[in-house]
């Protein structure tokens, strides 16, 4: 009787483990299906935007804060250009404008790396614009260090435009 009881308990345990494994597998399959549907929706939105002749940052996979930028606009381009001018203080404004224009053109043509550079530049521009408010608390040296760091990053991402400059 004890052996039968032990066998029954073992069988019930195996059945419970199998049921739990099946449930976990079903949950994983549901999650994969939901992610695929979300990805398909995002891709359809991107294709529609591209068909309209523009581009949109992929906010599904973009870094935190990117959702604030959304579609590239003239206003956003102006903000980025201002920060690039400050960062590229040893470049003529026409060259800075050419770098940014090359990035925008390449992103519009579907170059993912150019889009990524613009996304980073947009985020950096927002960070730089937020510095005076953050630095007004009293620590000007810290804000100046942060500004130097951010401008260095703007130069790095802005130089990516050289890859798509015409005539180079």
Protein backbone atom coordinates (compact mmCIF):
# COMPACT_ATOMS: atom_id res chain seq x y z
CA UNK A 1 0.00 0.00 0.00
CA UNK A 2 2.86 2.36 0.81
CA UNK A 3 4.49 1.60 -2.54
CA UNK A 4 1.24 2.29 -4.36
CA UNK A 5 0.85 5.57 -2.49
CA UNK A 6 4.43 6.60 -3.34
CA UNK A 7 3.85 5.73 -7.01
CA UNK A 8 0.60 7.72 -7.04
CA UNK A 9 2.29 10.74 -5.44
CA UNK A 10 5.18 10.54 -7.92
CA UNK A 11 2.74 10.26 -10.84
CA UNK A 12 0.74 13.27 -9.60
CA UNK A 13 3.95 15.26 -9.16
CA UNK A 14 5.05 14.44 -12.73
CA UNK A 15 1.62 15.37 -14.06
CA UNK A 16 1.70 18.66 -12.15
CA UNK A 17 5.21 19.41 -13.43
CA UNK A 18 4.14 18.61 -16.99
CA UNK A 19 1.07 20.81 -16.66
CA UNK A 20 3.19 23.66 -15.30
CA UNK A 21 5.71 23.24 -18.13
CA UNK A 22 2.90 23.25 -20.70
CA UNK A 23 1.42 26.39 -19.14
CA UNK A 24 4.82 28.11 -19.16
CA UNK A 25 5.33 27.14 -22.79
CA UNK A 26 1.87 28.42 -23.71
CA UNK A 27 2.57 31.70 -21.89
CA UNK A 28 5.88 32.06 -23.74
CA UNK A 29 4.13 31.42 -27.06
CA UNK A 30 1.51 34.06 -26.23
CA UNK A 31 4.26 36.54 -25.36
CA UNK A 32 6.10 35.84 -28.62
CA UNK A 33 2.86 36.29 -30.57
CA UNK A 34 2.11 39.59 -28.80
CA UNK A 35 5.64 40.87 -29.46
CA UNK A 36 5.39 39.86 -33.11
CA UNK A 37 2.09 41.71 -33.44
CA UNK A 38 3.54 44.83 -31.81
CA UNK A 39 6.60 44.62 -34.03
CA UNK A 40 4.43 44.26 -37.13
CA UNK A 41 2.41 47.32 -36.10
CA UNK A 42 5.58 49.33 -35.53
CA UNK A 43 7.01 48.24 -38.88
CA UNK A 44 3.78 49.14 -40.65
CA UNK A 45 3.87 52.60 -39.08
CA UNK A 46 7.48 53.08 -40.16
CA UNK A 47 6.70 51.96 -43.70
CA UNK A 48 3.76 54.35 -43.88
CA UNK A 49 5.97 57.20 -42.65
CA UNK A 50 8.69 56.32 -45.16
CA UNK A 51 6.13 56.11 -47.95
CA UNK A 52 5.16 59.66 -47.07
CA UNK A 53 8.79 60.68 -47.67
CA UNK A 54 9.93 61.17 -44.09
CA UNK A 55 11.39 59.13 -41.33
CA UNK A 56 10.49 58.52 -37.76
CA UNK A 57 12.66 57.40 -34.90
CA UNK A 58 11.93 53.81 -33.98
CA UNK A 59 10.63 54.56 -30.51
CA UNK A 60 9.93 50.89 -29.84
CA UNK A 61 13.63 50.11 -29.62
CA UNK A 62 15.04 53.58 -29.04
CA UNK A 63 16.77 54.47 -25.79
CA UNK A 64 14.85 55.94 -22.88
CA UNK A 65 13.80 59.50 -23.57
CA UNK A 66 13.69 59.07 -27.33
CA UNK A 67 9.91 59.02 -27.32
CA UNK A 68 10.08 62.74 -26.65
CA UNK A 69 11.56 63.31 -30.10
CA UNK A 70 9.13 61.29 -32.23
CA UNK A 71 9.25 62.43 -35.83
CA UNK A 72 12.09 64.57 -37.06
CA UNK A 73 10.89 68.11 -37.56
CA UNK A 74 12.30 71.45 -38.64
CA UNK A 75 12.07 72.65 -35.04
CA UNK A 76 13.99 69.65 -33.75
CA UNK A 77 16.54 70.06 -36.52
CA UNK A 78 16.98 73.70 -35.50
CA UNK A 79 17.58 72.73 -31.87
CA UNK A 80 20.14 70.11 -32.89
CA UNK A 81 21.82 72.56 -35.27
CA UNK A 82 22.20 75.16 -32.50
CA UNK A 83 23.92 72.65 -30.24
CA UNK A 84 26.09 71.37 -33.08
CA UNK A 85 27.18 74.95 -33.83
CA UNK A 86 28.24 75.36 -30.22
CA UNK A 87 30.00 71.99 -30.16
CA UNK A 88 31.77 72.50 -33.49
CA UNK A 89 32.98 75.95 -32.51
CA UNK A 90 36.05 75.61 -34.74
CA UNK A 91 34.01 74.74 -37.85
CA UNK A 92 32.38 77.24 -40.18
CA UNK A 93 28.59 77.21 -39.75
CA UNK A 94 28.16 76.07 -43.37
CA UNK A 95 30.17 72.92 -42.67
CA UNK A 96 28.17 72.17 -39.53
CA UNK A 97 24.99 72.66 -41.51
CA UNK A 98 26.32 70.31 -44.21
CA UNK A 99 27.08 67.62 -41.62
CA UNK A 100 23.58 67.79 -40.19
CA UNK A 101 21.96 67.95 -43.63
CA UNK A 102 23.91 64.86 -44.70
CA UNK A 103 22.66 62.97 -41.65
CA UNK A 104 19.07 64.05 -42.24
CA UNK A 105 19.27 63.12 -45.92
CA UNK A 106 20.79 59.71 -45.14
CA UNK A 107 18.20 59.00 -42.46
CA UNK A 108 15.47 59.96 -44.91
CA UNK A 109 16.98 57.44 -47.32
CA UNK A 110 16.66 54.74 -44.67
CA UNK A 111 20.21 54.65 -43.30
CA UNK A 112 19.75 53.24 -39.80
CA UNK A 113 23.11 54.52 -38.57
CA UNK A 114 22.25 58.07 -39.63
CA UNK A 115 18.91 57.76 -37.84
CA UNK A 116 20.70 56.56 -34.73
CA UNK A 117 23.09 59.50 -34.89
CA UNK A 118 20.19 61.93 -35.22
CA UNK A 119 18.40 60.28 -32.33
CA UNK A 120 21.49 60.63 -30.17
CA UNK A 121 21.97 64.25 -31.27
CA UNK A 122 18.35 65.06 -30.44
CA UNK A 123 18.73 63.56 -26.98
CA UNK A 124 21.99 65.41 -26.40
CA UNK A 125 20.43 68.69 -27.52
CA UNK A 126 17.65 68.22 -24.97
CA UNK A 127 20.20 67.40 -22.28
CA UNK A 128 22.25 70.48 -23.06
CA UNK A 129 19.16 72.67 -23.10
CA UNK A 130 18.22 71.33 -19.67
CA UNK A 131 21.62 72.15 -18.17
CA UNK A 132 21.00 75.78 -17.18
CA UNK A 133 17.92 74.74 -15.22
CA UNK A 134 19.82 71.89 -13.60
CA UNK A 135 22.87 74.06 -12.95
CA UNK A 136 20.91 76.89 -11.39
CA UNK A 137 21.03 74.96 -8.12
CA UNK A 138 24.46 76.38 -7.45
CA UNK A 139 27.13 74.00 -8.71
CA UNK A 140 28.28 75.78 -11.86
CA UNK A 141 31.49 73.76 -12.13
CA UNK A 142 29.55 70.52 -12.30
CA UNK A 143 27.24 71.94 -14.96
CA UNK A 144 30.25 73.13 -16.97
CA UNK A 145 31.82 69.67 -16.79
CA UNK A 146 28.56 68.11 -17.90
CA UNK A 147 28.29 70.59 -20.78
CA UNK A 148 31.82 69.75 -21.94
CA UNK A 149 30.98 66.07 -21.86
CA UNK A 150 27.74 66.56 -23.77
CA UNK A 151 29.36 68.78 -26.41
CA UNK A 152 32.05 66.17 -26.89
CA UNK A 153 29.34 63.61 -27.59
CA UNK A 154 27.61 66.03 -29.97
CA UNK A 155 30.88 66.32 -31.90
CA UNK A 156 31.25 62.55 -32.01
CA UNK A 157 27.72 61.88 -33.28
CA UNK A 158 27.72 64.94 -35.55
CA UNK A 159 30.91 63.81 -37.28
CA UNK A 160 28.95 60.79 -38.51
CA UNK A 161 27.54 63.16 -41.12
CA UNK A 162 30.90 63.04 -42.89
CA UNK A 163 30.05 59.55 -44.09
CA UNK A 164 27.19 60.90 -46.18
CA UNK A 165 28.61 64.23 -47.31
CA UNK A 166 28.41 64.53 -51.08
CA UNK A 167 31.70 64.91 -52.87
CA UNK A 168 33.74 63.01 -50.27
